[in-house]
Amino acid sequence: MSVYSIARTHLDAAVADAERDGLVAGDALHALLVSVVEALKRERGIADTRRALDFQMNNLADDTDYEFMRP
């Protein structure tokens, strides 16, 4: 099992738990994001956490055409 599949399993479970308790899925996801950012900052420091967040924010669009992908 990869770290990504482990994370996805826990994410899906947290959202399901929140919805079961009558909470909004988006609120649960926001709480997870805040918790993960805090934990990553403790584990890897502010600079690495910022780089990881910047990379994810810069790559949110699913239909972005990157130069290295062009034929």
C-alpha atoms as a PDB file:
ATOM      1  CA  MET A   1       0.000   0.000   0.000  1.00  0.00           C
ATOM      2  CA  SER A   2       1.408   3.413  -0.925  1.00  0.00           C
ATOM      3  CA  VAL A   3       1.396   6.493   1.297  1.00  0.00           C
ATOM      4  CA  TYR A   4      -1.080   8.071  -1.124  1.00  0.00           C
ATOM      5  CA  SER A   5      -3.547   5.206  -0.859  1.00  0.00           C
ATOM      6  CA  ILE A   6      -3.215   5.279   2.945  1.00  0.00           C
ATOM      7  CA  ALA A   7      -3.903   9.030   2.947  1.00  0.00           C
ATOM      8  CA  ARG A   8      -6.874   8.625   0.586  1.00  0.00           C
ATOM      9  CA  THR A   9      -8.353   5.905   2.821  1.00  0.00           C
ATOM     10  CA  HIS A  10      -8.161   8.179   5.872  1.00  0.00           C
ATOM     11  CA  LEU A  11      -9.477  11.176   3.958  1.00  0.00           C
ATOM     12  CA  ASP A  12     -12.482   9.206   2.683  1.00  0.00           C
ATOM     13  CA  ALA A  13     -13.148   7.886   6.188  1.00  0.00           C
ATOM     14  CA  ALA A  14     -12.990  11.367   7.740  1.00  0.00           C
ATOM     15  CA  VAL A  15     -15.438  12.763   5.183  1.00  0.00           C
ATOM     16  CA  ALA A  16     -17.782   9.800   5.698  1.00  0.00           C
ATOM     17  CA  ASP A  17     -17.596  10.259   9.486  1.00  0.00           C
ATOM     18  CA  ALA A  18     -18.377  13.962   9.157  1.00  0.00           C
ATOM     19  CA  GLU A  19     -21.342  13.348   6.860  1.00  0.00           C
ATOM     20  CA  ARG A  20     -22.637  10.590   9.152  1.00  0.00           C
ATOM     21  CA  ASP A  21     -22.558  13.104  12.015  1.00  0.00           C
ATOM     22  CA  GLY A  22     -24.471  15.673   9.953  1.00  0.00           C
ATOM     23  CA  LEU A  23     -21.446  17.872   9.241  1.00  0.00           C
ATOM     24  CA  VAL A  24     -20.561  19.449   5.911  1.00  0.00           C
ATOM     25  CA  ALA A  25     -17.954  17.523   3.893  1.00  0.00           C
ATOM     26  CA  GLY A  26     -16.234  20.775   2.856  1.00  0.00           C
ATOM     27  CA  ASP A  27     -15.819  21.762   6.497  1.00  0.00           C
ATOM     28  CA  ALA A  28     -14.269  18.397   7.283  1.00  0.00           C
ATOM     29  CA  LEU A  29     -11.893  18.745   4.322  1.00  0.00           C
ATOM     30  CA  HIS A  30     -10.886  22.235   5.478  1.00  0.00           C
ATOM     31  CA  ALA A  31     -10.211  20.925   8.990  1.00  0.00           C
ATOM     32  CA  LEU A  32      -8.111  18.113   7.507  1.00  0.00           C
ATOM     33  CA  LEU A  33      -6.141  20.577   5.395  1.00  0.00           C
ATOM     34  CA  VAL A  34      -5.374  22.775   8.395  1.00  0.00           C
ATOM     35  CA  SER A  35      -4.360  19.753  10.455  1.00  0.00           C
ATOM     36  CA  VAL A  36      -2.155  18.351   7.693  1.00  0.00           C
ATOM     37  CA  VAL A  37      -0.427  21.697   7.104  1.00  0.00           C
ATOM     38  CA  GLU A  38       0.318  22.028  10.815  1.00  0.00           C
ATOM     39  CA  ALA A  39       1.672  18.461  10.983  1.00  0.00           C
ATOM     40  CA  LEU A  40       3.760  18.871   7.816  1.00  0.00           C
ATOM     41  CA  LYS A  41       5.227  22.118   9.169  1.00  0.00           C
ATOM     42  CA  ARG A  42       6.314  20.306  12.340  1.00  0.00           C
ATOM     43  CA  GLU A  43       7.756  17.391  10.341  1.00  0.00           C
ATOM     44  CA  ARG A  44       9.472  19.207   7.456  1.00  0.00           C
ATOM     45  CA  GLY A  45       9.568  22.894   8.350  1.00  0.00           C
ATOM     46  CA  ILE A  46       7.960  26.000   6.935  1.00  0.00           C
ATOM     47  CA  ALA A  47       9.964  26.253   3.701  1.00  0.00           C
ATOM     48  CA  ASP A  48       9.207  22.690   2.549  1.00  0.00           C
ATOM     49  CA  THR A  49       5.561  23.033   3.556  1.00  0.00           C
ATOM     50  CA  ARG A  50       5.298  26.274   1.581  1.00  0.00           C
ATOM     51  CA  ARG A  51       6.890  24.622  -1.489  1.00  0.00           C
ATOM     52  CA  ALA A  52       4.473  21.699  -1.280  1.00  0.00           C
ATOM     53  CA  LEU A  53       1.461  24.010  -0.963  1.00  0.00           C
ATOM     54  CA  ASP A  54       2.689  26.305  -3.748  1.00  0.00           C
ATOM     55  CA  PHE A  55       3.157  23.322  -6.053  1.00  0.00           C
ATOM     56  CA  GLN A  56      -0.333  22.022  -5.322  1.00  0.00           C
ATOM     57  CA  MET A  57      -1.918  25.463  -5.755  1.00  0.00           C
ATOM     58  CA  ASN A  58      -0.104  26.017  -9.054  1.00  0.00           C
ATOM     59  CA  ASN A  59      -1.322  22.672 -10.367  1.00  0.00           C
ATOM     60  CA  LEU A  60      -4.998  22.742  -9.431  1.00  0.00           C
ATOM     61  CA  ALA A  61      -6.269  23.039 -13.018  1.00  0.00           C
ATOM     62  CA  ASP A  62      -6.843  19.603 -14.511  1.00  0.00           C
ATOM     63  CA  ASP A  63      -6.652  20.865 -18.097  1.00  0.00           C
ATOM     64  CA  THR A  64      -3.379  22.807 -17.903  1.00  0.00           C
ATOM     65  CA  ASP A  65      -1.152  22.251 -20.937  1.00  0.00           C
ATOM     66  CA  TYR A  66       2.479  21.984 -19.877  1.00  0.00           C
ATOM     67  CA  GLU A  67       5.273  22.460 -22.416  1.00  0.00           C
ATOM     68  CA  PHE A  68       6.852  19.105 -21.642  1.00  0.00           C
ATOM     69  CA  MET A  69       3.512  17.429 -22.505  1.00  0.00           C
ATOM     70  CA  ARG A  70       3.293  18.832 -26.024  1.00  0.00           C
ATOM     71  CA  PRO A  71       4.191  16.477 -28.893  1.00  0.00           C
END
